[in-house]
Amino acid sequence: MGEGTSIDMKQTAFWMRKASENGFEQAKENWEELELWKYE
């Protein structure tokens, strides 16, 4: 992660979902692997 930044899993989940819905395959894999639905 970026130095001096905080991790915001809710924001991560939001943007991964958007990317996944738009067909970005890596985002779909990340969504499932990181279980990001838990942070919505």
PDB file of N, CA and C in Angstrom:
ATOM      1  N   MET A   1       0.837  -1.178   0.000  1.00  0.00           N
ATOM      2  CA  MET A   1       0.000   0.000   0.000  1.00  0.00           C
ATOM      3  C   MET A   1       0.886   1.246   0.000  1.00  0.00           C
ATOM      4  N   GLY A   2       0.256   2.352  -0.272  1.00  0.00           N
ATOM      5  CA  GLY A   2       0.996   3.605  -0.298  1.00  0.00           C
ATOM      6  C   GLY A   2       1.517   3.980   1.071  1.00  0.00           C
ATOM      7  N   GLU A   3       2.660   4.560   1.092  1.00  0.00           N
ATOM      8  CA  GLU A   3       3.264   4.976   2.353  1.00  0.00           C
ATOM      9  C   GLU A   3       2.505   6.177   2.907  1.00  0.00           C
ATOM     10  N   GLY A   4       2.132   6.099   4.177  1.00  0.00           N
ATOM     11  CA  GLY A   4       1.439   7.205   4.816  1.00  0.00           C
ATOM     12  C   GLY A   4      -0.054   7.253   4.535  1.00  0.00           C
ATOM     13  N   THR A   5      -0.586   6.204   3.933  1.00  0.00           N
ATOM     14  CA  THR A   5      -2.023   6.160   3.658  1.00  0.00           C
ATOM     15  C   THR A   5      -2.683   5.082   4.504  1.00  0.00           C
ATOM     16  N   SER A   6      -3.947   5.273   4.778  1.00  0.00           N
ATOM     17  CA  SER A   6      -4.680   4.257   5.533  1.00  0.00           C
ATOM     18  C   SER A   6      -5.399   3.323   4.558  1.00  0.00           C
ATOM     19  N   ILE A   7      -5.701   2.139   5.037  1.00  0.00           N
ATOM     20  CA  ILE A   7      -6.421   1.162   4.240  1.00  0.00           C
ATOM     21  C   ILE A   7      -7.910   1.324   4.526  1.00  0.00           C
ATOM     22  N   ASP A   8      -8.684   1.537   3.486  1.00  0.00           N
ATOM     23  CA  ASP A   8     -10.124   1.713   3.622  1.00  0.00           C
ATOM     24  C   ASP A   8     -10.806   0.606   2.819  1.00  0.00           C
ATOM     25  N   MET A   9     -11.143  -0.486   3.497  1.00  0.00           N
ATOM     26  CA  MET A   9     -11.707  -1.641   2.807  1.00  0.00           C
ATOM     27  C   MET A   9     -13.087  -1.348   2.222  1.00  0.00           C
ATOM     28  N   LYS A  10     -13.821  -0.430   2.822  1.00  0.00           N
ATOM     29  CA  LYS A  10     -15.131  -0.073   2.273  1.00  0.00           C
ATOM     30  C   LYS A  10     -14.959   0.589   0.901  1.00  0.00           C
ATOM     31  N   GLN A  11     -13.984   1.484   0.781  1.00  0.00           N
ATOM     32  CA  GLN A  11     -13.695   2.124  -0.513  1.00  0.00           C
ATOM     33  C   GLN A  11     -13.156   1.097  -1.502  1.00  0.00           C
ATOM     34  N   THR A  12     -12.317   0.202  -1.022  1.00  0.00           N
ATOM     35  CA  THR A  12     -11.780  -0.854  -1.874  1.00  0.00           C
ATOM     36  C   THR A  12     -12.914  -1.687  -2.451  1.00  0.00           C
ATOM     37  N   ALA A  13     -13.846  -2.087  -1.587  1.00  0.00           N
ATOM     38  CA  ALA A  13     -14.985  -2.890  -2.027  1.00  0.00           C
ATOM     39  C   ALA A  13     -15.813  -2.132  -3.061  1.00  0.00           C
ATOM     40  N   PHE A  14     -16.045  -0.851  -2.808  1.00  0.00           N
ATOM     41  CA  PHE A  14     -16.832  -0.030  -3.734  1.00  0.00           C
ATOM     42  C   PHE A  14     -16.218  -0.033  -5.128  1.00  0.00           C
ATOM     43  N   TRP A  15     -14.912   0.260  -5.222  1.00  0.00           N
ATOM     44  CA  TRP A  15     -14.269   0.380  -6.530  1.00  0.00           C
ATOM     45  C   TRP A  15     -14.049  -0.970  -7.196  1.00  0.00           C
ATOM     46  N   MET A  16     -13.791  -2.009  -6.427  1.00  0.00           N
ATOM     47  CA  MET A  16     -13.650  -3.345  -7.014  1.00  0.00           C
ATOM     48  C   MET A  16     -14.982  -3.807  -7.595  1.00  0.00           C
ATOM     49  N   ARG A  17     -16.078  -3.498  -6.900  1.00  0.00           N
ATOM     50  CA  ARG A  17     -17.399  -3.866  -7.420  1.00  0.00           C
ATOM     51  C   ARG A  17     -17.662  -3.128  -8.735  1.00  0.00           C
ATOM     52  N   LYS A  18     -17.373  -1.830  -8.771  1.00  0.00           N
ATOM     53  CA  LYS A  18     -17.582  -1.042  -9.992  1.00  0.00           C
ATOM     54  C   LYS A  18     -16.775  -1.625 -11.156  1.00  0.00           C
ATOM     55  N   ALA A  19     -15.509  -1.918 -10.894  1.00  0.00           N
ATOM     56  CA  ALA A  19     -14.647  -2.466 -11.939  1.00  0.00           C
ATOM     57  C   ALA A  19     -15.143  -3.839 -12.385  1.00  0.00           C
ATOM     58  N   SER A  20     -15.556  -4.643 -11.432  1.00  0.00           N
ATOM     59  CA  SER A  20     -16.071  -5.974 -11.734  1.00  0.00           C
ATOM     60  C   SER A  20     -17.329  -5.896 -12.595  1.00  0.00           C
ATOM     61  N   GLU A  21     -18.228  -4.997 -12.243  1.00  0.00           N
ATOM     62  CA  GLU A  21     -19.469  -4.820 -13.004  1.00  0.00           C
ATOM     63  C   GLU A  21     -19.206  -4.338 -14.426  1.00  0.00           C
ATOM     64  N   ASN A  22     -18.059  -3.696 -14.627  1.00  0.00           N
ATOM     65  CA  ASN A  22     -17.696  -3.198 -15.954  1.00  0.00           C
ATOM     66  C   ASN A  22     -16.804  -4.174 -16.718  1.00  0.00           C
ATOM     67  N   GLY A  23     -16.717  -5.415 -16.218  1.00  0.00           N
ATOM     68  CA  GLY A  23     -16.040  -6.464 -16.965  1.00  0.00           C
ATOM     69  C   GLY A  23     -14.556  -6.619 -16.721  1.00  0.00           C
ATOM     70  N   PHE A  24     -14.006  -5.941 -15.734  1.00  0.00           N
ATOM     71  CA  PHE A  24     -12.577  -6.062 -15.455  1.00  0.00           C
ATOM     72  C   PHE A  24     -12.338  -7.364 -14.693  1.00  0.00           C
ATOM     73  N   GLU A  25     -11.745  -8.337 -15.370  1.00  0.00           N
ATOM     74  CA  GLU A  25     -11.611  -9.696 -14.842  1.00  0.00           C
ATOM     75  C   GLU A  25     -10.788  -9.759 -13.552  1.00  0.00           C
ATOM     76  N   GLN A  26      -9.709  -9.008 -13.461  1.00  0.00           N
ATOM     77  CA  GLN A  26      -8.883  -9.026 -12.246  1.00  0.00           C
ATOM     78  C   GLN A  26      -9.677  -8.531 -11.039  1.00  0.00           C
ATOM     79  N   ALA A  27     -10.549  -7.565 -11.248  1.00  0.00           N
ATOM     80  CA  ALA A  27     -11.389  -7.067 -10.155  1.00  0.00           C
ATOM     81  C   ALA A  27     -12.344  -8.153  -9.673  1.00  0.00           C
ATOM     82  N   LYS A  28     -12.886  -8.937 -10.598  1.00  0.00           N
ATOM     83  CA  LYS A  28     -13.769 -10.043 -10.224  1.00  0.00           C
ATOM     84  C   LYS A  28     -13.026 -11.051  -9.357  1.00  0.00           C
ATOM     85  N   GLU A  29     -11.806 -11.368  -9.765  1.00  0.00           N
ATOM     86  CA  GLU A  29     -10.995 -12.315  -8.994  1.00  0.00           C
ATOM     87  C   GLU A  29     -10.675 -11.754  -7.615  1.00  0.00           C
ATOM     88  N   ASN A  30     -10.311 -10.481  -7.545  1.00  0.00           N
ATOM     89  CA  ASN A  30     -10.009  -9.846  -6.258  1.00  0.00           C
ATOM     90  C   ASN A  30     -11.237  -9.818  -5.361  1.00  0.00           C
ATOM     91  N   TRP A  31     -12.393  -9.517  -5.950  1.00  0.00           N
ATOM     92  CA  TRP A  31     -13.654  -9.456  -5.200  1.00  0.00           C
ATOM     93  C   TRP A  31     -13.884 -10.772  -4.459  1.00  0.00           C
ATOM     94  N   GLU A  32     -13.693 -11.876  -5.182  1.00  0.00           N
ATOM     95  CA  GLU A  32     -13.922 -13.193  -4.601  1.00  0.00           C
ATOM     96  C   GLU A  32     -12.803 -13.591  -3.644  1.00  0.00           C
ATOM     97  N   GLU A  33     -11.569 -13.405  -4.058  1.00  0.00           N
ATOM     98  CA  GLU A  33     -10.428 -13.834  -3.249  1.00  0.00           C
ATOM     99  C   GLU A  33     -10.345 -13.079  -1.921  1.00  0.00           C
ATOM    100  N   LEU A  34     -10.599 -11.786  -1.951  1.00  0.00           N
ATOM    101  CA  LEU A  34     -10.492 -10.962  -0.741  1.00  0.00           C
ATOM    102  C   LEU A  34     -11.806 -10.873   0.032  1.00  0.00           C
ATOM    103  N   GLU A  35     -12.852 -11.532  -0.500  1.00  0.00           N
ATOM    104  CA  GLU A  35     -14.174 -11.537   0.136  1.00  0.00           C
ATOM    105  C   GLU A  35     -14.638 -10.108   0.452  1.00  0.00           C
ATOM    106  N   LEU A  36     -14.563  -9.258  -0.564  1.00  0.00           N
ATOM    107  CA  LEU A  36     -14.843  -7.836  -0.366  1.00  0.00           C
ATOM    108  C   LEU A  36     -16.308  -7.530  -0.090  1.00  0.00           C
ATOM    109  N   TRP A  37     -17.203  -8.467  -0.412  1.00  0.00           N
ATOM    110  CA  TRP A  37     -18.620  -8.221  -0.114  1.00  0.00           C
ATOM    111  C   TRP A  37     -18.840  -8.012   1.377  1.00  0.00           C
ATOM    112  N   LYS A  38     -17.939  -8.475   2.204  1.00  0.00           N
ATOM    113  CA  LYS A  38     -18.056  -8.310   3.661  1.00  0.00           C
ATOM    114  C   LYS A  38     -17.931  -6.844   4.088  1.00  0.00           C
ATOM    115  N   TYR A  39     -17.368  -6.015   3.227  1.00  0.00           N
ATOM    116  CA  TYR A  39     -17.083  -4.623   3.586  1.00  0.00           C
ATOM    117  C   TYR A  39     -18.093  -3.634   3.018  1.00  0.00           C
ATOM    118  N   GLU A  40     -19.104  -4.123   2.323  1.00  0.00           N
ATOM    119  CA  GLU A  40     -20.098  -3.215   1.741  1.00  0.00           C
ATOM    120  C   GLU A  40     -21.051  -2.705   2.791  1.00  0.00           C
TER     121      GLU A  40
END
